[in-house]
Amino acid sequence: MTATTTSAHVCTPPGDQSAEVKKTIQALRKKLSRWELDHLRAHCVKLANELEEAQATIERLTEERDSAESWAEGWREDVERLVTALESQGRRVGLTQCGAVVAMPANGAAPQAAAEGGAA
């Protein structure tokens, strides 16, 4: 049987590291730091893209809201003009349960639909 010899760095106690072991550990730390930075950079790019998409969505939704408000204001003004015109003709104006605008003669006869969707 032959005796096996072990190299010095394998049997070196933890507190007594050779220069080669220290270099290896330092190189590994540098490599891990680079991997960490690469990961963080990729994560930052992903977050920046998500933020850009969110900001575009916010802008689009803001434009849609502004358009809807403009349309609603136009409809409100149209209804006010219609109500004013009907009242100036001596009619009473009201809403059905379905939300249709109706005009009734001042004497209370059967209502007449004044706006779309208005069968009373």
C-alpha atoms as a PDB file:
ATOM      1  CA  MET A   1       0.000   0.000   0.000  1.00  0.00           C
ATOM      2  CA  THR A   2       1.233   3.405  -0.875  1.00  0.00           C
ATOM      3  CA  ALA A   3       0.849   6.394   1.325  1.00  0.00           C
ATOM      4  CA  THR A   4      -1.043   9.309  -0.133  1.00  0.00           C
ATOM      5  CA  THR A   5       0.167  12.779   0.424  1.00  0.00           C
ATOM      6  CA  THR A   6      -2.087  15.754   0.686  1.00  0.00           C
ATOM      7  CA  SER A   7      -1.251  19.180  -0.551  1.00  0.00           C
ATOM      8  CA  ALA A   8      -0.720  21.915   1.980  1.00  0.00           C
ATOM      9  CA  HIS A   9      -3.685  24.074   0.960  1.00  0.00           C
ATOM     10  CA  VAL A  10      -6.178  21.257   1.532  1.00  0.00           C
ATOM     11  CA  CYS A  11      -5.087  20.727   5.099  1.00  0.00           C
ATOM     12  CA  THR A  12      -4.673  24.383   5.942  1.00  0.00           C
ATOM     13  CA  PRO A  13      -6.869  25.444   8.852  1.00  0.00           C
ATOM     14  CA  PRO A  14      -9.544  28.112   8.106  1.00  0.00           C
ATOM     15  CA  GLY A  15      -7.667  30.938   9.810  1.00  0.00           C
ATOM     16  CA  ASP A  16      -4.433  30.205   7.925  1.00  0.00           C
ATOM     17  CA  GLN A  17      -5.350  30.718   4.276  1.00  0.00           C
ATOM     18  CA  SER A  18      -2.683  30.799   1.667  1.00  0.00           C
ATOM     19  CA  ALA A  19      -2.366  33.655  -0.808  1.00  0.00           C
ATOM     20  CA  GLU A  20      -3.804  31.468  -3.569  1.00  0.00           C
ATOM     21  CA  VAL A  21      -6.964  30.718  -1.578  1.00  0.00           C
ATOM     22  CA  LYS A  22      -7.392  34.396  -0.768  1.00  0.00           C
ATOM     23  CA  LYS A  23      -7.030  35.262  -4.470  1.00  0.00           C
ATOM     24  CA  THR A  24      -9.633  32.645  -5.407  1.00  0.00           C
ATOM     25  CA  ILE A  25     -12.085  33.951  -2.837  1.00  0.00           C
ATOM     26  CA  GLN A  26     -11.501  37.525  -3.988  1.00  0.00           C
ATOM     27  CA  ALA A  27     -12.069  36.501  -7.627  1.00  0.00           C
ATOM     28  CA  LEU A  28     -15.291  34.712  -6.670  1.00  0.00           C
ATOM     29  CA  ARG A  29     -16.524  37.781  -4.783  1.00  0.00           C
ATOM     30  CA  LYS A  30     -15.834  39.977  -7.815  1.00  0.00           C
ATOM     31  CA  LYS A  31     -17.673  37.551 -10.077  1.00  0.00           C
ATOM     32  CA  LEU A  32     -20.649  37.428  -7.704  1.00  0.00           C
ATOM     33  CA  SER A  33     -20.683  41.231  -7.517  1.00  0.00           C
ATOM     34  CA  ARG A  34     -20.739  41.444 -11.320  1.00  0.00           C
ATOM     35  CA  TRP A  35     -23.576  38.902 -11.486  1.00  0.00           C
ATOM     36  CA  GLU A  36     -25.463  40.862  -8.857  1.00  0.00           C
ATOM     37  CA  LEU A  37     -24.985  44.120 -10.768  1.00  0.00           C
ATOM     38  CA  ASP A  38     -26.050  42.473 -14.026  1.00  0.00           C
ATOM     39  CA  HIS A  39     -29.172  41.141 -12.318  1.00  0.00           C
ATOM     40  CA  LEU A  40     -29.968  44.546 -10.811  1.00  0.00           C
ATOM     41  CA  ARG A  41     -29.442  46.284 -14.150  1.00  0.00           C
ATOM     42  CA  ALA A  42     -31.779  43.835 -15.894  1.00  0.00           C
ATOM     43  CA  HIS A  43     -34.353  44.309 -13.134  1.00  0.00           C
ATOM     44  CA  CYS A  44     -34.086  48.106 -13.489  1.00  0.00           C
ATOM     45  CA  VAL A  45     -34.652  47.839 -17.243  1.00  0.00           C
ATOM     46  CA  LYS A  46     -37.727  45.670 -16.646  1.00  0.00           C
ATOM     47  CA  LEU A  47     -39.117  48.113 -14.076  1.00  0.00           C
ATOM     48  CA  ALA A  48     -38.427  51.080 -16.364  1.00  0.00           C
ATOM     49  CA  ASN A  49     -40.359  49.368 -19.173  1.00  0.00           C
ATOM     50  CA  GLU A  50     -43.269  48.599 -16.849  1.00  0.00           C
ATOM     51  CA  LEU A  51     -43.287  52.210 -15.640  1.00  0.00           C
ATOM     52  CA  GLU A  52     -43.295  53.494 -19.215  1.00  0.00           C
ATOM     53  CA  GLU A  53     -46.253  51.222 -20.059  1.00  0.00           C
ATOM     54  CA  ALA A  54     -48.112  52.358 -16.932  1.00  0.00           C
ATOM     55  CA  GLN A  55     -47.540  56.012 -17.775  1.00  0.00           C
ATOM     56  CA  ALA A  56     -48.803  55.439 -21.331  1.00  0.00           C
ATOM     57  CA  THR A  57     -51.905  53.720 -19.914  1.00  0.00           C
ATOM     58  CA  ILE A  58     -52.493  56.614 -17.516  1.00  0.00           C
ATOM     59  CA  GLU A  59     -52.190  59.097 -20.372  1.00  0.00           C
ATOM     60  CA  ARG A  60     -54.607  57.115 -22.561  1.00  0.00           C
ATOM     61  CA  LEU A  61     -57.140  56.736 -19.752  1.00  0.00           C
ATOM     62  CA  THR A  62     -56.877  60.433 -18.904  1.00  0.00           C
ATOM     63  CA  GLU A  63     -57.635  61.301 -22.525  1.00  0.00           C
ATOM     64  CA  GLU A  64     -60.592  58.881 -22.535  1.00  0.00           C
ATOM     65  CA  ARG A  65     -61.910  60.393 -19.292  1.00  0.00           C
ATOM     66  CA  ASP A  66     -61.569  63.923 -20.670  1.00  0.00           C
ATOM     67  CA  SER A  67     -63.406  62.881 -23.835  1.00  0.00           C
ATOM     68  CA  ALA A  68     -66.189  61.216 -21.827  1.00  0.00           C
ATOM     69  CA  GLU A  69     -66.555  64.315 -19.646  1.00  0.00           C
ATOM     70  CA  SER A  70     -66.761  66.467 -22.757  1.00  0.00           C
ATOM     71  CA  TRP A  71     -69.465  64.228 -24.267  1.00  0.00           C
ATOM     72  CA  ALA A  72     -71.396  64.187 -20.983  1.00  0.00           C
ATOM     73  CA  GLU A  73     -71.247  67.979 -20.759  1.00  0.00           C
ATOM     74  CA  GLY A  74     -72.513  68.220 -24.355  1.00  0.00           C
ATOM     75  CA  TRP A  75     -75.426  65.883 -23.568  1.00  0.00           C
ATOM     76  CA  ARG A  76     -76.257  67.855 -20.409  1.00  0.00           C
ATOM     77  CA  GLU A  77     -76.310  71.111 -22.379  1.00  0.00           C
ATOM     78  CA  ASP A  78     -78.529  69.511 -25.060  1.00  0.00           C
ATOM     79  CA  VAL A  79     -80.999  68.312 -22.401  1.00  0.00           C
ATOM     80  CA  GLU A  80     -81.057  71.757 -20.776  1.00  0.00           C
ATOM     81  CA  ARG A  81     -81.833  73.370 -24.163  1.00  0.00           C
ATOM     82  CA  LEU A  82     -84.536  70.760 -24.832  1.00  0.00           C
ATOM     83  CA  VAL A  83     -86.106  71.281 -21.396  1.00  0.00           C
ATOM     84  CA  THR A  84     -86.025  75.060 -21.836  1.00  0.00           C
ATOM     85  CA  ALA A  85     -87.623  74.793 -25.298  1.00  0.00           C
ATOM     86  CA  LEU A  86     -90.351  72.429 -24.086  1.00  0.00           C
ATOM     87  CA  GLU A  87     -91.110  74.497 -20.996  1.00  0.00           C
ATOM     88  CA  SER A  88     -91.374  77.612 -23.146  1.00  0.00           C
ATOM     89  CA  GLN A  89     -94.105  75.773 -25.115  1.00  0.00           C
ATOM     90  CA  GLY A  90     -96.027  75.207 -21.894  1.00  0.00           C
ATOM     91  CA  ARG A  91     -95.038  71.581 -21.358  1.00  0.00           C
ATOM     92  CA  ARG A  92     -93.841  69.912 -18.183  1.00  0.00           C
ATOM     93  CA  VAL A  93     -90.670  67.884 -18.533  1.00  0.00           C
ATOM     94  CA  GLY A  94     -89.804  64.770 -16.562  1.00  0.00           C
ATOM     95  CA  LEU A  95     -87.940  61.472 -16.647  1.00  0.00           C
ATOM     96  CA  THR A  96     -89.311  57.975 -16.934  1.00  0.00           C
ATOM     97  CA  GLN A  97     -88.026  55.181 -14.696  1.00  0.00           C
ATOM     98  CA  CYS A  98     -85.836  54.134 -17.649  1.00  0.00           C
ATOM     99  CA  GLY A  99     -84.229  57.586 -17.750  1.00  0.00           C
ATOM    100  CA  ALA A 100     -85.974  58.916 -20.864  1.00  0.00           C
ATOM    101  CA  VAL A 101     -86.908  62.592 -20.977  1.00  0.00           C
ATOM    102  CA  VAL A 102     -90.650  63.065 -21.510  1.00  0.00           C
ATOM    103  CA  ALA A 103     -92.769  66.148 -22.065  1.00  0.00           C
ATOM    104  CA  MET A 104     -96.367  66.350 -20.878  1.00  0.00           C
ATOM    105  CA  PRO A 105     -98.832  69.072 -21.645  1.00  0.00           C
ATOM    106  CA  ALA A 106     -99.398  71.408 -18.730  1.00  0.00           C
ATOM    107  CA  ASN A 107    -102.896  69.979 -18.260  1.00  0.00           C
ATOM    108  CA  GLY A 108    -101.495  66.478 -17.476  1.00  0.00           C
ATOM    109  CA  ALA A 109    -102.506  64.535 -20.628  1.00  0.00           C
ATOM    110  CA  ALA A 110    -100.583  61.419 -21.726  1.00  0.00           C
ATOM    111  CA  PRO A 111     -96.839  62.007 -21.950  1.00  0.00           C
ATOM    112  CA  GLN A 112     -95.027  62.382 -25.242  1.00  0.00           C
ATOM    113  CA  ALA A 113     -91.474  61.045 -25.595  1.00  0.00           C
ATOM    114  CA  ALA A 114     -89.165  63.992 -26.065  1.00  0.00           C
ATOM    115  CA  ALA A 115     -85.900  62.127 -26.205  1.00  0.00           C
ATOM    116  CA  GLU A 116     -84.701  58.762 -27.437  1.00  0.00           C
ATOM    117  CA  GLY A 117     -85.844  55.691 -25.495  1.00  0.00           C
ATOM    118  CA  GLY A 118     -88.866  57.426 -24.186  1.00  0.00           C
ATOM    119  CA  ALA A 119     -92.004  55.368 -24.273  1.00  0.00           C
ATOM    120  CA  ALA A 120     -93.698  56.255 -21.005  1.00  0.00           C
END
